[in-house]
Amino acid sequence: MSQEKVNRYKEEKRNRKKIMAQEKRMHYARTACGCLIAAALVGWAGFSVYNIYQDRKPIETVYADLSAISEYEQSLVADTEE
């Protein structure tokens, strides 16, 4: 081995714990990012499916009899005229 390779090997050996700790942190960071991206995709897919389901659901129509309100308004107008 050349002296340069020997020196590089010694330097690497000296910093091995630091290098291993950095690689471990990077591994955890990649795993966490991957999990977040997967959760976001699953959430987005679920939200999209729910919206499609809601759009296809029949719309309920509510009818109200407003004749009582009209009669009440007319009685108020009649009371003010007297």
N, C-alpha and C. Protein backbone atom coordinates (compact mmCIF):
# COMPACT_ATOMS: atom_id res chain seq x y z
N MET A 1 0.84 -1.18 0.00
CA MET A 1 0.00 0.00 0.00
C MET A 1 0.88 1.24 0.00
N SER A 2 0.38 2.23 -0.68
CA SER A 2 1.13 3.48 -0.67
C SER A 2 0.89 4.20 0.65
N GLN A 3 1.74 5.12 0.94
CA GLN A 3 1.62 5.86 2.19
C GLN A 3 0.32 6.65 2.24
N GLU A 4 -0.12 7.13 1.11
CA GLU A 4 -1.38 7.88 1.05
C GLU A 4 -2.56 7.02 1.46
N LYS A 5 -2.61 5.78 0.97
CA LYS A 5 -3.68 4.86 1.33
C LYS A 5 -3.63 4.51 2.82
N VAL A 6 -2.43 4.32 3.33
CA VAL A 6 -2.26 3.99 4.75
C VAL A 6 -2.77 5.15 5.61
N ASN A 7 -2.43 6.36 5.25
CA ASN A 7 -2.87 7.52 6.02
C ASN A 7 -4.39 7.68 5.95
N ARG A 8 -4.96 7.45 4.78
CA ARG A 8 -6.40 7.53 4.61
C ARG A 8 -7.11 6.47 5.47
N TYR A 9 -6.55 5.27 5.50
CA TYR A 9 -7.11 4.18 6.29
C TYR A 9 -7.05 4.53 7.78
N LYS A 10 -5.95 5.06 8.23
CA LYS A 10 -5.80 5.43 9.64
C LYS A 10 -6.79 6.53 10.02
N GLU A 11 -6.96 7.50 9.14
CA GLU A 11 -7.90 8.59 9.38
C GLU A 11 -9.34 8.05 9.45
N GLU A 12 -9.67 7.16 8.56
CA GLU A 12 -10.99 6.56 8.55
C GLU A 12 -11.22 5.74 9.80
N LYS A 13 -10.21 5.00 10.21
CA LYS A 13 -10.31 4.19 11.41
C LYS A 13 -10.50 5.07 12.65
N ARG A 14 -9.82 6.20 12.67
CA ARG A 14 -9.90 7.12 13.79
C ARG A 14 -11.30 7.73 13.90
N ASN A 15 -11.93 7.98 12.78
CA ASN A 15 -13.25 8.63 12.77
C ASN A 15 -14.40 7.66 12.53
N ARG A 16 -14.15 6.39 12.70
CA ARG A 16 -15.15 5.39 12.36
C ARG A 16 -16.45 5.56 13.16
N LYS A 17 -16.36 5.82 14.46
CA LYS A 17 -17.56 5.99 15.29
C LYS A 17 -18.39 7.18 14.80
N LYS A 18 -17.72 8.26 14.49
CA LYS A 18 -18.41 9.45 14.01
C LYS A 18 -19.09 9.17 12.67
N ILE A 19 -18.40 8.48 11.81
CA ILE A 19 -18.94 8.15 10.48
C ILE A 19 -20.14 7.21 10.62
N MET A 20 -20.03 6.22 11.49
CA MET A 20 -21.14 5.28 11.69
C MET A 20 -22.36 5.98 12.28
N ALA A 21 -22.13 6.90 13.23
CA ALA A 21 -23.24 7.64 13.82
C ALA A 21 -23.92 8.50 12.76
N GLN A 22 -23.14 9.14 11.90
CA GLN A 22 -23.72 9.96 10.84
C GLN A 22 -24.52 9.11 9.86
N GLU A 23 -24.01 7.94 9.51
CA GLU A 23 -24.74 7.05 8.60
C GLU A 23 -26.04 6.57 9.23
N LYS A 24 -26.00 6.32 10.55
CA LYS A 24 -27.20 5.88 11.24
C LYS A 24 -28.26 6.99 11.26
N ARG A 25 -27.82 8.22 11.50
CA ARG A 25 -28.75 9.36 11.48
C ARG A 25 -29.37 9.54 10.10
N MET A 26 -28.55 9.42 9.08
CA MET A 26 -29.06 9.56 7.71
C MET A 26 -30.07 8.45 7.39
N HIS A 27 -29.80 7.24 7.87
CA HIS A 27 -30.72 6.13 7.65
C HIS A 27 -32.07 6.42 8.31
N TYR A 28 -32.05 6.89 9.56
CA TYR A 28 -33.29 7.22 10.25
C TYR A 28 -34.01 8.38 9.57
N ALA A 29 -33.27 9.35 9.09
CA ALA A 29 -33.88 10.50 8.41
C ALA A 29 -34.57 10.05 7.12
N ARG A 30 -33.91 9.20 6.36
CA ARG A 30 -34.52 8.69 5.12
C ARG A 30 -35.76 7.87 5.42
N THR A 31 -35.69 7.04 6.47
CA THR A 31 -36.84 6.22 6.84
C THR A 31 -38.01 7.11 7.26
N ALA A 32 -37.74 8.13 8.06
CA ALA A 32 -38.80 9.04 8.52
C ALA A 32 -39.42 9.78 7.34
N CYS A 33 -38.60 10.27 6.43
CA CYS A 33 -39.12 10.98 5.25
C CYS A 33 -39.97 10.04 4.39
N GLY A 34 -39.50 8.83 4.23
CA GLY A 34 -40.27 7.86 3.45
C GLY A 34 -41.62 7.57 4.08
N CYS A 35 -41.64 7.45 5.41
CA CYS A 35 -42.91 7.19 6.10
C CYS A 35 -43.85 8.39 5.96
N LEU A 36 -43.32 9.60 6.08
CA LEU A 36 -44.16 10.79 5.93
C LEU A 36 -44.74 10.89 4.52
N ILE A 37 -43.93 10.60 3.53
CA ILE A 37 -44.41 10.65 2.15
C ILE A 37 -45.47 9.59 1.91
N ALA A 38 -45.24 8.38 2.45
CA ALA A 38 -46.23 7.30 2.30
C ALA A 38 -47.53 7.67 3.00
N ALA A 39 -47.45 8.24 4.19
CA ALA A 39 -48.67 8.64 4.91
C ALA A 39 -49.41 9.74 4.15
N ALA A 40 -48.67 10.67 3.57
CA ALA A 40 -49.31 11.74 2.79
C ALA A 40 -50.02 11.17 1.57
N LEU A 41 -49.40 10.22 0.89
CA LEU A 41 -50.02 9.61 -0.29
C LEU A 41 -51.27 8.83 0.10
N VAL A 42 -51.21 8.08 1.19
CA VAL A 42 -52.37 7.31 1.64
C VAL A 42 -53.50 8.27 2.04
N GLY A 43 -53.16 9.34 2.75
CA GLY A 43 -54.17 10.32 3.14
C GLY A 43 -54.81 11.00 1.94
N TRP A 44 -53.99 11.37 0.98
CA TRP A 44 -54.50 12.00 -0.24
C TRP A 44 -55.43 11.04 -0.99
N ALA A 45 -55.02 9.78 -1.10
CA ALA A 45 -55.85 8.80 -1.81
C ALA A 45 -57.18 8.60 -1.08
N GLY A 46 -57.13 8.51 0.24
CA GLY A 46 -58.35 8.34 1.02
C GLY A 46 -59.28 9.53 0.86
N PHE A 47 -58.73 10.74 0.91
CA PHE A 47 -59.52 11.95 0.74
C PHE A 47 -60.16 11.99 -0.65
N SER A 48 -59.40 11.61 -1.67
CA SER A 48 -59.93 11.59 -3.04
C SER A 48 -61.08 10.59 -3.17
N VAL A 49 -60.90 9.41 -2.60
CA VAL A 49 -61.95 8.39 -2.67
C VAL A 49 -63.20 8.89 -1.93
N TYR A 50 -63.03 9.52 -0.78
CA TYR A 50 -64.17 10.05 -0.03
C TYR A 50 -64.90 11.11 -0.83
N ASN A 51 -64.17 12.01 -1.49
CA ASN A 51 -64.81 13.04 -2.31
C ASN A 51 -65.58 12.44 -3.47
N ILE A 52 -65.02 11.43 -4.11
CA ILE A 52 -65.72 10.76 -5.21
C ILE A 52 -67.00 10.12 -4.69
N TYR A 53 -66.92 9.49 -3.53
CA TYR A 53 -68.09 8.86 -2.93
C TYR A 53 -69.16 9.91 -2.63
N GLN A 54 -68.77 11.03 -2.06
CA GLN A 54 -69.73 12.08 -1.73
C GLN A 54 -70.35 12.69 -2.98
N ASP A 55 -69.58 12.82 -4.05
CA ASP A 55 -70.12 13.38 -5.29
C ASP A 55 -71.14 12.45 -5.94
N ARG A 56 -70.99 11.17 -5.80
CA ARG A 56 -71.91 10.21 -6.42
C ARG A 56 -73.14 9.96 -5.56
N LYS A 57 -73.12 10.38 -4.33
CA LYS A 57 -74.24 10.18 -3.42
C LYS A 57 -75.40 11.07 -3.88
N PRO A 58 -76.64 10.54 -3.87
CA PRO A 58 -77.77 11.38 -4.31
C PRO A 58 -77.99 12.55 -3.34
N ILE A 59 -78.38 13.67 -3.90
CA ILE A 59 -78.60 14.88 -3.12
C ILE A 59 -80.02 14.83 -2.55
N GLU A 60 -80.12 15.06 -1.25
CA GLU A 60 -81.43 15.06 -0.61
C GLU A 60 -82.04 16.46 -0.74
N THR A 61 -83.29 16.49 -1.21
CA THR A 61 -83.99 17.76 -1.38
C THR A 61 -85.00 17.90 -0.25
N VAL A 62 -84.98 19.04 0.40
CA VAL A 62 -85.90 19.30 1.51
C VAL A 62 -86.88 20.36 1.06
N TYR A 63 -88.16 20.07 1.24
CA TYR A 63 -89.21 21.02 0.90
C TYR A 63 -89.82 21.54 2.19
N ALA A 64 -90.03 22.83 2.25
CA ALA A 64 -90.61 23.44 3.44
C ALA A 64 -91.87 24.20 3.05
N ASP A 65 -92.88 24.11 3.89
CA ASP A 65 -94.12 24.84 3.67
C ASP A 65 -93.97 26.21 4.33
N LEU A 66 -93.88 27.24 3.53
CA LEU A 66 -93.66 28.59 4.03
C LEU A 66 -94.95 29.41 4.10
N SER A 67 -96.06 28.75 3.96
CA SER A 67 -97.33 29.48 3.96
C SER A 67 -97.59 30.11 5.32
N ALA A 68 -97.16 29.47 6.40
CA ALA A 68 -97.38 30.04 7.75
C ALA A 68 -96.62 31.34 7.90
N ILE A 69 -95.43 31.42 7.35
CA ILE A 69 -94.63 32.64 7.44
C ILE A 69 -95.29 33.75 6.61
N SER A 70 -95.79 33.39 5.44
CA SER A 70 -96.47 34.38 4.58
C SER A 70 -97.71 34.92 5.28
N GLU A 71 -98.49 34.04 5.91
CA GLU A 71 -99.68 34.48 6.64
C GLU A 71 -99.31 35.39 7.80
N TYR A 72 -98.23 35.07 8.50
CA TYR A 72 -97.77 35.88 9.63
C TYR A 72 -97.35 37.28 9.15
N GLU A 73 -96.62 37.34 8.03
CA GLU A 73 -96.21 38.63 7.48
C GLU A 73 -97.43 39.46 7.07
N GLN A 74 -98.41 38.79 6.48
CA GLN A 74 -99.62 39.49 6.07
C GLN A 74 -100.39 40.01 7.27
N SER A 75 -100.40 39.24 8.36
CA SER A 75 -101.09 39.71 9.56
C SER A 75 -100.36 40.90 10.18
N LEU A 76 -99.02 40.94 10.08
CA LEU A 76 -98.27 42.09 10.59
C LEU A 76 -98.58 43.34 9.76
N VAL A 77 -98.64 43.15 8.44
CA VAL A 77 -98.94 44.29 7.56
C VAL A 77 -100.37 44.77 7.85
N ALA A 78 -101.29 43.86 8.06
CA ALA A 78 -102.69 44.22 8.34
C ALA A 78 -102.78 44.97 9.67
N ASP A 79 -102.00 44.57 10.67
CA ASP A 79 -102.02 45.23 11.97
C ASP A 79 -101.48 46.66 11.88
N THR A 80 -100.49 46.90 11.05
CA THR A 80 -99.91 48.22 10.92
C THR A 80 -100.84 49.16 10.14
N GLU A 81 -101.70 48.61 9.28
CA GLU A 81 -102.61 49.44 8.50
C GLU A 81 -103.77 49.93 9.35
N GLU A 82 -104.11 49.22 10.37
CA GLU A 82 -105.27 49.61 11.17
C GLU A 82 -105.01 50.74 12.08
